[in-house]
């Protein structure tokens, strides 16, 4: 059994120029503390600059982008 089987899921936090300026690095750290059962990755620019930090996750089989994420409260799939 792989260690991935214990994860609730995975998602990525945009680490593009604008999201970095909006503290995406600090958000990744905070989300890893708030959601230890999730795999959280640093991702590429999601193309929704100016609305970040942005998070991309698969929800109901489709990729979805969540804008202006500040904490786990902004991620309905992780509640």
C-alpha atoms as a PDB file:
ATOM      1  CA  UNK A   1       0.000   0.000   0.000  1.00  0.00           C
ATOM      2  CA  UNK A   2       1.452   3.355  -0.982  1.00  0.00           C
ATOM      3  CA  UNK A   3       1.516   6.329   1.361  1.00  0.00           C
ATOM      4  CA  UNK A   4      -0.712   8.174  -1.135  1.00  0.00           C
ATOM      5  CA  UNK A   5      -3.660   6.022  -0.021  1.00  0.00           C
ATOM      6  CA  UNK A   6      -3.789   7.919   3.276  1.00  0.00           C
ATOM      7  CA  UNK A   7      -4.081  11.306   1.558  1.00  0.00           C
ATOM      8  CA  UNK A   8      -7.418  13.094   1.270  1.00  0.00           C
ATOM      9  CA  UNK A   9      -6.252  14.395  -2.107  1.00  0.00           C
ATOM     10  CA  UNK A  10      -3.893  16.847  -3.696  1.00  0.00           C
ATOM     11  CA  UNK A  11      -3.961  20.334  -5.093  1.00  0.00           C
ATOM     12  CA  UNK A  12      -1.544  22.987  -6.249  1.00  0.00           C
ATOM     13  CA  UNK A  13      -1.013  26.608  -5.299  1.00  0.00           C
ATOM     14  CA  UNK A  14       0.019  28.944  -8.110  1.00  0.00           C
ATOM     15  CA  UNK A  15       3.564  30.176  -7.733  1.00  0.00           C
ATOM     16  CA  UNK A  16       3.564  32.593 -10.656  1.00  0.00           C
ATOM     17  CA  UNK A  17       4.878  36.131 -10.337  1.00  0.00           C
ATOM     18  CA  UNK A  18       1.604  37.754  -9.228  1.00  0.00           C
ATOM     19  CA  UNK A  19       0.660  35.003  -6.785  1.00  0.00           C
ATOM     20  CA  UNK A  20       4.154  35.087  -5.299  1.00  0.00           C
ATOM     21  CA  UNK A  21       3.698  38.823  -4.739  1.00  0.00           C
ATOM     22  CA  UNK A  22       0.434  37.956  -2.966  1.00  0.00           C
ATOM     23  CA  UNK A  23       2.280  35.584  -0.628  1.00  0.00           C
ATOM     24  CA  UNK A  24       1.573  32.196  -2.182  1.00  0.00           C
ATOM     25  CA  UNK A  25       4.669  30.765  -0.474  1.00  0.00           C
ATOM     26  CA  UNK A  26       3.246  31.685   2.954  1.00  0.00           C
ATOM     27  CA  UNK A  27      -0.134  30.277   1.881  1.00  0.00           C
ATOM     28  CA  UNK A  28       1.435  26.922   1.012  1.00  0.00           C
ATOM     29  CA  UNK A  29       3.029  26.759   4.449  1.00  0.00           C
ATOM     30  CA  UNK A  30      -0.242  27.709   6.169  1.00  0.00           C
ATOM     31  CA  UNK A  31      -2.300  25.200   4.179  1.00  0.00           C
ATOM     32  CA  UNK A  32       0.184  22.407   4.903  1.00  0.00           C
ATOM     33  CA  UNK A  33      -0.315  23.130   8.614  1.00  0.00           C
ATOM     34  CA  UNK A  34      -4.118  23.377   8.298  1.00  0.00           C
ATOM     35  CA  UNK A  35      -4.508  20.378   5.970  1.00  0.00           C
ATOM     36  CA  UNK A  36      -1.819  17.786   6.809  1.00  0.00           C
ATOM     37  CA  UNK A  37      -3.887  15.037   5.143  1.00  0.00           C
ATOM     38  CA  UNK A  38      -3.589  16.762   1.746  1.00  0.00           C
ATOM     39  CA  UNK A  39      -0.658  16.815  -0.663  1.00  0.00           C
ATOM     40  CA  UNK A  40      -0.086  20.467  -1.500  1.00  0.00           C
ATOM     41  CA  UNK A  41       2.197  21.310  -4.393  1.00  0.00           C
ATOM     42  CA  UNK A  42       3.706  24.496  -5.737  1.00  0.00           C
ATOM     43  CA  UNK A  43       2.253  24.916  -9.211  1.00  0.00           C
ATOM     44  CA  UNK A  44       2.766  26.905 -12.380  1.00  0.00           C
ATOM     45  CA  UNK A  45       0.914  30.099 -13.224  1.00  0.00           C
ATOM     46  CA  UNK A  46      -2.807  29.413 -13.646  1.00  0.00           C
ATOM     47  CA  UNK A  47      -3.400  32.433 -15.859  1.00  0.00           C
ATOM     48  CA  UNK A  48      -5.747  34.207 -13.473  1.00  0.00           C
ATOM     49  CA  UNK A  49      -3.211  36.816 -12.451  1.00  0.00           C
ATOM     50  CA  UNK A  50      -4.531  39.605 -10.304  1.00  0.00           C
ATOM     51  CA  UNK A  51      -6.985  37.312  -8.497  1.00  0.00           C
ATOM     52  CA  UNK A  52      -4.521  35.279  -6.465  1.00  0.00           C
ATOM     53  CA  UNK A  53      -3.242  33.520  -4.681  1.00  0.00           C
ATOM     54  CA  UNK A  54      -4.910  30.863  -6.819  1.00  0.00           C
ATOM     55  CA  UNK A  55      -5.361  27.160  -6.119  1.00  0.00           C
ATOM     56  CA  UNK A  56      -6.110  24.438  -8.677  1.00  0.00           C
ATOM     57  CA  UNK A  57      -7.825  21.230  -7.610  1.00  0.00           C
ATOM     58  CA  UNK A  58      -9.806  18.430  -9.184  1.00  0.00           C
ATOM     59  CA  UNK A  59     -13.396  18.679  -7.982  1.00  0.00           C
ATOM     60  CA  UNK A  60     -16.045  16.249  -9.202  1.00  0.00           C
ATOM     61  CA  UNK A  61     -13.675  15.013 -11.901  1.00  0.00           C
ATOM     62  CA  UNK A  62     -12.906  18.488 -13.323  1.00  0.00           C
ATOM     63  CA  UNK A  63     -10.053  20.892 -12.672  1.00  0.00           C
ATOM     64  CA  UNK A  64     -11.255  24.012 -10.921  1.00  0.00           C
ATOM     65  CA  UNK A  65      -9.425  27.205  -9.943  1.00  0.00           C
ATOM     66  CA  UNK A  66     -10.135  28.954  -6.661  1.00  0.00           C
ATOM     67  CA  UNK A  67      -9.130  32.623  -6.469  1.00  0.00           C
ATOM     68  CA  UNK A  68      -7.999  34.850  -3.592  1.00  0.00           C
ATOM     69  CA  UNK A  69      -7.320  31.911  -1.287  1.00  0.00           C
ATOM     70  CA  UNK A  70      -6.246  32.930   2.209  1.00  0.00           C
ATOM     71  CA  UNK A  71      -6.918  29.740   4.206  1.00  0.00           C
ATOM     72  CA  UNK A  72      -8.657  26.366   4.129  1.00  0.00           C
ATOM     73  CA  UNK A  73     -11.964  28.228   4.556  1.00  0.00           C
ATOM     74  CA  UNK A  74     -11.648  29.362   0.921  1.00  0.00           C
ATOM     75  CA  UNK A  75     -11.411  25.755  -0.314  1.00  0.00           C
ATOM     76  CA  UNK A  76     -14.853  24.119  -0.092  1.00  0.00           C
ATOM     77  CA  UNK A  77     -13.495  20.754  -1.259  1.00  0.00           C
ATOM     78  CA  UNK A  78     -11.140  20.587   1.751  1.00  0.00           C
ATOM     79  CA  UNK A  79     -13.750  21.156   4.470  1.00  0.00           C
END
